[in-house]
């Protein structure tokens, strides 16, 4: 008898679509739950429902009715709903307490302090007067950001304690993006480089697969927006030990047991790895396909099989010899607002393009915003190169090689 898996997201994004597709390829029955403004049929599942990812009671009713063998929440809020349902039905997954600590920024900073890893001073509030009082006790610069937000939006860096108007603006902006209206304020940790080490890792009990490490790059004009990822990552022994130790300690303190986790952070000047956040779900922008192109490990397959307590692929990977391709994944944004025409890809790297993933809203003739205002890129260009030299050339010149062309 085939297994049945339920996948819950906030929209018809790549994480839901690839999970459903992979599960079907493996012979599973699929149940998809998409937000109420989307069309369920576009999930291409055996059965689909229009229900928001945080409607836990309704999702639990569906899970019981469909008699599912596993549940995946591939968006922040749906990961919490999925954990509650998994516990209620005795399905594989992490506890709601674990997920909650990872999702809420103040709880996550407390978790870091308990785990004994690097962590800045911080506080949370939903009141402007409390914010103004609290920032007076912090070292500047500071970062003001939404407490609960599944993206990099609503974040402001403030350099000067005396700039009260900017602090008020930052509070209003962050509160508007925060799903619970709460704002997190923390001391800014200086980091001169726009290159950081990030990862999607996979956890099974005490075992961690580290295949998803990548260098993540940002542009000076939009330093909080990740746009470029490259594989592989090469760390010296001290950096590797620091990175893996920090991640292990936090996940252990949270009592995390299973699944894919998206790690965002960077190394400080003192060599400490500062974990900005650990998201209890895959990264967006089809990160799982990038990992597969890099090393051959299929994180989506891992995610859907372990969710229904099938450990066969996980066991297979213990003896799997990883590939090491030179992969670059570029989220193509426009640097000006206007009417979209097409994406230019230079002839010098066109033959290395292995996939271009188009996003809704990036159709010819559509009006698009610039990189600061747009919620998503027009598409993702993924390249696989034969050598590190070719990868470095593309990375260093990506803005001249791949760019949005607007209609005149």
Protein backbone atom coordinates (compact mmCIF):
# COMPACT_ATOMS: atom_id res chain seq x y z
CA UNK A 1 0.00 0.00 0.00
CA UNK A 2 1.45 3.38 -1.02
CA UNK A 3 2.21 6.06 1.55
CA UNK A 4 0.29 9.33 1.60
CA UNK A 5 2.00 12.65 2.32
CA UNK A 6 0.49 16.06 3.03
CA UNK A 7 2.45 19.17 1.99
CA UNK A 8 1.50 22.59 3.40
CA UNK A 9 2.82 25.91 2.09
CA UNK A 10 1.95 29.60 1.97
CA UNK A 11 1.70 29.57 -1.82
CA UNK A 12 2.36 27.56 -4.94
CA UNK A 13 6.11 28.02 -4.57
CA UNK A 14 8.91 25.67 -5.59
CA UNK A 15 9.16 23.93 -2.24
CA UNK A 16 5.58 22.70 -2.41
CA UNK A 17 5.64 21.88 -6.12
CA UNK A 18 8.89 19.91 -6.02
CA UNK A 19 7.84 18.03 -2.87
CA UNK A 20 4.57 16.98 -4.52
CA UNK A 21 6.32 16.05 -7.77
CA UNK A 22 9.01 14.01 -6.00
CA UNK A 23 6.49 12.20 -3.80
CA UNK A 24 4.43 11.24 -6.86
CA UNK A 25 7.55 9.96 -8.62
CA UNK A 26 8.19 7.76 -5.58
CA UNK A 27 4.68 6.30 -5.84
CA UNK A 28 3.17 8.22 -2.93
CA UNK A 29 -0.31 9.68 -2.78
CA UNK A 30 -0.14 13.45 -2.34
CA UNK A 31 -2.29 15.99 -0.52
CA UNK A 32 -1.42 19.67 -1.05
CA UNK A 33 -2.66 22.60 1.01
CA UNK A 34 -2.20 26.07 -0.50
CA UNK A 35 -3.25 29.49 0.70
CA UNK A 36 -6.82 30.55 0.08
CA UNK A 37 -6.01 32.98 -2.75
CA UNK A 38 -4.29 30.28 -4.85
CA UNK A 39 -5.76 27.67 -7.17
CA UNK A 40 -5.38 24.22 -5.58
CA UNK A 41 -5.38 22.41 -8.94
CA UNK A 42 -2.08 24.10 -9.81
CA UNK A 43 -0.37 22.10 -7.05
CA UNK A 44 -0.75 19.01 -9.31
CA UNK A 45 -1.41 16.79 -6.28
CA UNK A 46 -3.77 13.84 -6.07
CA UNK A 47 -5.93 15.93 -3.74
CA UNK A 48 -5.59 19.65 -2.99
CA UNK A 49 -7.20 22.05 -0.55
CA UNK A 50 -7.40 25.81 -0.29
CA UNK A 51 -6.39 26.48 3.34
CA UNK A 52 -3.82 28.82 4.87
CA UNK A 53 -0.71 27.28 6.41
CA UNK A 54 -1.47 28.61 9.88
CA UNK A 55 -5.08 27.29 10.02
CA UNK A 56 -3.94 24.44 12.23
CA UNK A 57 -7.34 23.09 13.24
CA UNK A 58 -8.57 22.88 9.64
CA UNK A 59 -5.28 21.32 8.53
CA UNK A 60 -5.59 18.73 11.29
CA UNK A 61 -9.12 17.88 10.08
CA UNK A 62 -7.77 17.37 6.56
CA UNK A 63 -4.87 15.23 7.79
CA UNK A 64 -7.27 12.99 9.73
CA UNK A 65 -9.75 12.80 6.89
CA UNK A 66 -7.04 11.89 4.37
CA UNK A 67 -5.32 9.49 6.81
CA UNK A 68 -1.88 10.78 5.87
CA UNK A 69 1.34 8.95 6.76
CA UNK A 70 3.40 12.13 6.98
CA UNK A 71 3.15 15.91 6.86
CA UNK A 72 5.54 18.60 5.63
CA UNK A 73 5.34 22.31 6.37
CA UNK A 74 7.59 24.05 3.85
CA UNK A 75 6.83 27.63 4.93
CA UNK A 76 7.55 29.13 8.35
CA UNK A 77 4.00 29.20 9.74
CA UNK A 78 3.04 25.92 8.11
CA UNK A 79 6.08 24.27 9.68
CA UNK A 80 4.60 25.08 13.08
CA UNK A 81 1.17 23.75 12.06
CA UNK A 82 2.80 20.61 10.67
CA UNK A 83 4.64 19.99 13.94
CA UNK A 84 1.43 20.29 15.96
CA UNK A 85 -0.39 17.90 13.62
CA UNK A 86 2.54 15.44 13.56
CA UNK A 87 2.49 15.26 17.36
CA UNK A 88 -1.30 14.87 17.45
CA UNK A 89 -1.24 12.01 14.92
CA UNK A 90 2.03 10.37 15.96
CA UNK A 91 3.79 11.20 12.66
CA UNK A 92 7.52 11.91 12.18
CA UNK A 93 8.61 15.48 12.86
CA UNK A 94 9.89 17.99 15.38
CA UNK A 95 8.00 19.22 18.42
CA UNK A 96 6.03 22.49 18.28
CA UNK A 97 8.28 23.78 21.09
CA UNK A 98 11.34 23.19 18.89
CA UNK A 99 9.81 24.93 15.86
CA UNK A 100 8.57 27.87 17.93
CA UNK A 101 12.04 28.52 19.33
CA UNK A 102 13.50 28.62 15.83
CA UNK A 103 10.77 30.82 14.33
CA UNK A 104 10.55 33.56 16.95
CA UNK A 105 13.61 35.79 16.95
CA UNK A 106 13.65 36.58 20.68
CA UNK A 107 13.24 32.90 21.57
CA UNK A 108 15.97 32.03 19.07
CA UNK A 109 18.42 34.48 20.65
CA UNK A 110 17.62 32.99 24.07
CA UNK A 111 18.21 29.55 22.56
CA UNK A 112 21.62 30.67 21.29
CA UNK A 113 22.61 31.99 24.71
CA UNK A 114 21.57 28.71 26.35
CA UNK A 115 23.55 26.79 23.74
CA UNK A 116 26.64 28.91 24.45
CA UNK A 117 27.17 30.14 20.89
CA UNK A 118 27.89 33.65 19.64
CA UNK A 119 24.91 35.99 20.06
CA UNK A 120 24.40 39.80 20.09
CA UNK A 121 22.39 41.75 22.67
CA UNK A 122 18.74 42.15 21.66
CA UNK A 123 15.18 42.77 22.79
CA UNK A 124 11.65 42.61 21.35
CA UNK A 125 8.67 44.91 21.63
CA UNK A 126 5.42 45.89 19.93
CA UNK A 127 5.38 49.36 21.51
CA UNK A 128 7.26 52.38 20.16
CA UNK A 129 7.96 53.88 23.60
CA UNK A 130 9.51 50.61 24.76
CA UNK A 131 11.66 50.52 21.65
CA UNK A 132 12.95 54.06 22.19
CA UNK A 133 13.81 53.23 25.80
CA UNK A 134 15.39 49.90 24.91
CA UNK A 135 17.69 51.15 22.16
CA UNK A 136 19.32 53.58 24.61
CA UNK A 137 20.87 50.55 26.36
CA UNK A 138 22.37 49.01 23.20
CA UNK A 139 25.62 49.66 21.38
CA UNK A 140 25.10 51.22 17.95
CA UNK A 141 24.80 50.42 15.06
CA UNK A 142 21.63 48.39 15.57
CA UNK A 143 19.32 46.33 13.35
CA UNK A 144 15.54 46.74 13.59
CA UNK A 145 13.59 43.88 11.99
CA UNK A 146 10.29 41.99 12.13
CA UNK A 147 10.12 39.39 14.88
CA UNK A 148 8.13 36.94 12.76
CA UNK A 149 8.67 37.23 9.01
CA UNK A 150 9.52 34.54 6.46
CA UNK A 151 11.77 36.75 4.32
CA UNK A 152 14.45 39.43 4.47
CA UNK A 153 11.97 42.32 4.24
CA UNK A 154 11.39 45.08 6.77
CA UNK A 155 14.97 45.25 8.06
CA UNK A 156 16.74 48.56 8.77
CA UNK A 157 20.25 49.28 9.99
CA UNK A 158 20.60 52.43 12.13
CA UNK A 159 24.05 53.88 12.82
CA UNK A 160 23.31 56.82 15.09
CA UNK A 161 21.57 56.66 18.47
CA UNK A 162 20.48 60.29 18.18
CA UNK A 163 18.56 59.72 14.93
CA UNK A 164 15.17 59.21 16.57
CA UNK A 165 13.16 59.82 13.39
CA UNK A 166 14.98 56.99 11.64
CA UNK A 167 14.38 54.71 14.63
CA UNK A 168 10.65 55.48 14.53
CA UNK A 169 10.53 54.85 10.76
CA UNK A 170 12.39 51.56 11.22
CA UNK A 171 9.93 50.44 13.91
CA UNK A 172 6.91 51.23 11.71
CA UNK A 173 8.45 49.42 8.74
CA UNK A 174 9.41 46.31 10.72
CA UNK A 175 6.04 46.13 12.49
CA UNK A 176 4.24 46.25 9.13
CA UNK A 177 6.14 43.17 7.92
CA UNK A 178 6.01 41.25 11.20
CA UNK A 179 3.23 38.68 11.22
CA UNK A 180 2.58 39.24 14.92
CA UNK A 181 3.34 42.99 14.98
CA UNK A 182 6.39 42.47 17.19
CA UNK A 183 9.72 44.07 16.34
CA UNK A 184 13.16 42.72 17.23
CA UNK A 185 16.08 45.08 17.89
CA UNK A 186 19.64 43.85 18.21
CA UNK A 187 23.18 45.13 18.10
CA UNK A 188 24.62 45.05 14.60
CA UNK A 189 27.55 42.68 14.23
CA UNK A 190 30.07 44.26 11.86
CA UNK A 191 30.83 42.23 8.77
CA UNK A 192 32.65 43.96 5.95
CA UNK A 193 32.15 41.32 3.29
CA UNK A 194 29.02 40.82 1.22
CA UNK A 195 29.95 37.13 1.04
CA UNK A 196 28.71 34.80 3.78
CA UNK A 197 28.57 31.07 4.44
CA UNK A 198 25.02 29.73 4.51
CA UNK A 199 23.58 26.24 4.29
CA UNK A 200 20.67 23.92 3.98
CA UNK A 201 21.50 20.97 6.21
CA UNK A 202 19.57 17.75 6.82
CA UNK A 203 19.14 16.33 10.31
CA UNK A 204 18.28 12.75 11.25
CA UNK A 205 18.50 12.32 15.02
CA UNK A 206 22.12 13.23 15.85
CA UNK A 207 23.40 12.89 12.28
CA UNK A 208 23.73 15.98 10.07
CA UNK A 209 24.26 16.01 6.31
CA UNK A 210 26.25 19.12 5.35
CA UNK A 211 25.82 18.89 1.56
CA UNK A 212 23.99 22.21 1.25
CA UNK A 213 26.76 24.63 2.24
CA UNK A 214 27.10 27.55 -0.15
CA UNK A 215 28.70 30.96 -0.39
CA UNK A 216 25.89 33.50 -0.50
CA UNK A 217 26.48 36.95 -1.98
CA UNK A 218 24.66 40.25 -1.81
CA UNK A 219 25.07 43.47 -3.77
CA UNK A 220 26.14 46.79 -2.13
CA UNK A 221 22.87 48.47 -3.16
CA UNK A 222 20.80 45.79 -1.40
CA UNK A 223 23.04 44.28 1.30
CA UNK A 224 20.20 42.43 3.04
CA UNK A 225 18.94 40.64 -0.09
CA UNK A 226 20.70 37.35 -1.00
CA UNK A 227 21.01 37.12 -4.77
CA UNK A 228 23.85 34.76 -5.65
CA UNK A 229 24.87 31.33 -4.34
CA UNK A 230 27.92 29.32 -5.35
CA UNK A 231 29.04 25.77 -4.59
CA UNK A 232 31.35 24.33 -3.28
CA UNK A 233 32.39 25.97 -0.01
CA UNK A 234 35.95 25.46 1.18
CA UNK A 235 36.56 26.14 4.89
CA UNK A 236 39.79 25.67 6.80
CA UNK A 237 39.68 23.22 9.70
CA UNK A 238 39.05 25.90 12.36
CA UNK A 239 36.19 27.53 10.44
CA UNK A 240 34.61 24.16 9.64
CA UNK A 241 34.78 23.14 13.29
CA UNK A 242 33.30 26.46 14.45
CA UNK A 243 30.48 26.37 11.90
CA UNK A 244 29.46 22.77 12.56
CA UNK A 245 29.78 23.14 16.33
CA UNK A 246 27.56 26.25 16.47
CA UNK A 247 24.85 24.63 14.34
CA UNK A 248 24.96 21.35 16.29
CA UNK A 249 24.75 23.08 19.67
CA UNK A 250 21.70 25.17 18.73
CA UNK A 251 19.80 22.29 17.12
CA UNK A 252 20.56 20.06 20.09
CA UNK A 253 19.42 22.72 22.57
CA UNK A 254 16.20 23.09 20.55
CA UNK A 255 15.73 19.29 20.61
CA UNK A 256 15.48 19.20 16.82
CA UNK A 257 15.31 15.64 15.50
CA UNK A 258 14.41 15.52 11.82
CA UNK A 259 14.29 17.45 8.59
CA UNK A 260 15.82 20.16 6.46
CA UNK A 261 16.98 23.39 8.10
CA UNK A 262 18.07 26.59 6.39
CA UNK A 263 21.02 28.27 8.16
CA UNK A 264 21.76 31.97 7.65
CA UNK A 265 24.83 33.56 9.21
CA UNK A 266 28.43 34.65 8.81
CA UNK A 267 31.85 34.54 10.43
CA UNK A 268 32.80 37.50 12.62
CA UNK A 269 36.23 39.13 12.49
CA UNK A 270 37.13 37.04 15.55
CA UNK A 271 36.30 33.79 13.72
CA UNK A 272 33.00 33.07 15.50
CA UNK A 273 30.09 31.89 13.39
CA UNK A 274 27.11 34.16 14.05
CA UNK A 275 23.87 32.33 13.24
CA UNK A 276 21.40 34.99 12.20
CA UNK A 277 18.60 32.44 12.04
CA UNK A 278 17.79 28.78 11.52
CA UNK A 279 14.65 28.29 9.48
CA UNK A 280 12.86 24.94 10.05
CA UNK A 281 12.18 24.41 6.35
CA UNK A 282 14.05 24.45 3.02
CA UNK A 283 15.40 27.69 1.60
CA UNK A 284 13.43 29.26 -1.24
CA UNK A 285 14.46 29.85 -4.85
CA UNK A 286 14.66 26.09 -5.54
CA UNK A 287 17.75 25.66 -3.36
CA UNK A 288 17.24 21.89 -3.22
CA UNK A 289 17.75 21.59 -6.98
CA UNK A 290 20.97 23.63 -6.69
CA UNK A 291 22.28 21.18 -4.08
CA UNK A 292 21.42 18.25 -6.31
CA UNK A 293 23.20 19.88 -9.27
CA UNK A 294 26.25 20.47 -7.07
CA UNK A 295 26.71 17.08 -5.39
CA UNK A 296 23.97 14.72 -6.55
CA UNK A 297 22.17 14.52 -3.18
CA UNK A 298 18.41 15.01 -3.51
CA UNK A 299 17.23 16.90 -0.42
CA UNK A 300 13.63 16.91 -1.65
CA UNK A 301 13.67 13.12 -1.82
CA UNK A 302 15.16 13.03 1.69
CA UNK A 303 12.47 15.38 2.95
CA UNK A 304 9.46 13.48 1.60
CA UNK A 305 10.74 9.99 2.41
CA UNK A 306 11.75 10.68 6.00
CA UNK A 307 8.45 12.52 6.56
CA UNK A 308 6.64 9.20 6.05
CA UNK A 309 9.23 7.28 8.09
CA UNK A 310 10.94 5.76 5.05
CA UNK A 311 14.67 5.85 5.83
CA UNK A 312 15.85 3.96 2.75
CA UNK A 313 17.23 6.96 0.84
CA UNK A 314 18.91 8.31 3.97
CA UNK A 315 20.61 4.93 4.49
CA UNK A 316 21.60 4.83 0.80
CA UNK A 317 23.36 8.19 1.13
CA UNK A 318 25.71 6.85 3.81
CA UNK A 319 27.61 5.03 1.05
CA UNK A 320 26.97 7.55 -1.74
CA UNK A 321 30.04 9.15 -3.31
CA UNK A 322 29.29 12.83 -3.73
CA UNK A 323 29.93 14.67 -6.97
CA UNK A 324 31.56 18.10 -6.85
CA UNK A 325 30.37 20.35 -9.63
CA UNK A 326 30.94 24.10 -9.77
CA UNK A 327 27.45 25.55 -9.50
CA UNK A 328 26.23 29.15 -9.50
CA UNK A 329 22.61 30.09 -8.84
CA UNK A 330 21.63 33.70 -9.54
CA UNK A 331 18.36 35.36 -8.53
CA UNK A 332 17.81 37.87 -11.33
CA UNK A 333 16.36 41.16 -10.10
CA UNK A 334 16.06 44.43 -11.98
CA UNK A 335 17.94 47.45 -10.68
CA UNK A 336 15.28 49.75 -12.12
CA UNK A 337 11.51 49.56 -12.14
CA UNK A 338 9.86 49.28 -15.53
CA UNK A 339 8.21 47.05 -18.11
CA UNK A 340 9.96 43.70 -18.39
CA UNK A 341 11.28 42.58 -21.76
CA UNK A 342 13.68 39.66 -21.17
CA UNK A 343 16.76 38.43 -19.31
CA UNK A 344 20.04 38.78 -21.17
CA UNK A 345 22.54 35.91 -20.73
CA UNK A 346 25.95 36.53 -22.23
CA UNK A 347 27.20 34.11 -24.87
CA UNK A 348 30.39 33.43 -22.86
CA UNK A 349 28.41 31.51 -20.21
CA UNK A 350 25.22 30.57 -22.04
CA UNK A 351 26.40 27.02 -22.73
CA UNK A 352 26.88 26.51 -18.96
CA UNK A 353 23.24 27.37 -18.18
CA UNK A 354 21.50 24.21 -16.95
CA UNK A 355 18.18 25.75 -15.92
CA UNK A 356 16.28 29.03 -15.90
CA UNK A 357 13.37 29.03 -13.45
CA UNK A 358 10.79 31.66 -14.29
CA UNK A 359 8.71 33.25 -11.55
CA UNK A 360 5.11 34.50 -11.82
CA UNK A 361 5.06 38.22 -12.59
CA UNK A 362 8.16 38.00 -14.76
CA UNK A 363 6.30 37.71 -18.06
CA UNK A 364 7.17 39.90 -21.04
CA UNK A 365 5.24 43.16 -20.83
CA UNK A 366 4.68 42.95 -17.06
CA UNK A 367 5.60 45.90 -14.85
CA UNK A 368 8.30 44.95 -12.35
CA UNK A 369 9.76 46.74 -9.34
CA UNK A 370 13.45 47.21 -8.60
CA UNK A 371 15.55 44.96 -6.33
CA UNK A 372 14.61 46.96 -3.23
CA UNK A 373 10.85 46.72 -3.66
CA UNK A 374 10.22 43.45 -5.51
CA UNK A 375 9.18 40.41 -3.48
CA UNK A 376 10.85 37.92 -5.82
CA UNK A 377 13.20 37.86 -8.80
CA UNK A 378 11.97 37.49 -12.37
CA UNK A 379 13.75 34.15 -12.39
CA UNK A 380 16.67 32.02 -11.23
CA UNK A 381 19.54 31.28 -13.61
CA UNK A 382 21.51 28.16 -12.64
CA UNK A 383 24.91 27.40 -14.19
CA UNK A 384 27.25 24.43 -13.87
CA UNK A 385 30.88 25.08 -14.82
CA UNK A 386 33.73 22.74 -15.64
CA UNK A 387 36.27 24.50 -13.42
CA UNK A 388 36.67 26.82 -10.45
CA UNK A 389 38.19 29.42 -12.77
CA UNK A 390 35.04 29.53 -14.92
CA UNK A 391 32.86 29.77 -11.81
CA UNK A 392 34.96 32.64 -10.44
CA UNK A 393 34.71 34.52 -13.75
CA UNK A 394 30.93 34.24 -13.79
CA UNK A 395 30.60 35.19 -10.12
CA UNK A 396 32.84 38.26 -10.42
CA UNK A 397 31.08 39.54 -13.55
CA UNK A 398 27.54 38.27 -13.05
CA UNK A 399 25.85 41.67 -13.29
CA UNK A 400 27.37 42.29 -16.72
CA UNK A 401 26.73 38.73 -17.90
CA UNK A 402 23.14 38.22 -16.73
CA UNK A 403 20.71 41.10 -16.39
CA UNK A 404 17.14 42.27 -16.87
CA UNK A 405 16.32 44.19 -20.05
CA UNK A 406 13.40 46.59 -19.78
CA UNK A 407 11.24 47.77 -22.65
CA UNK A 408 12.03 51.31 -23.78
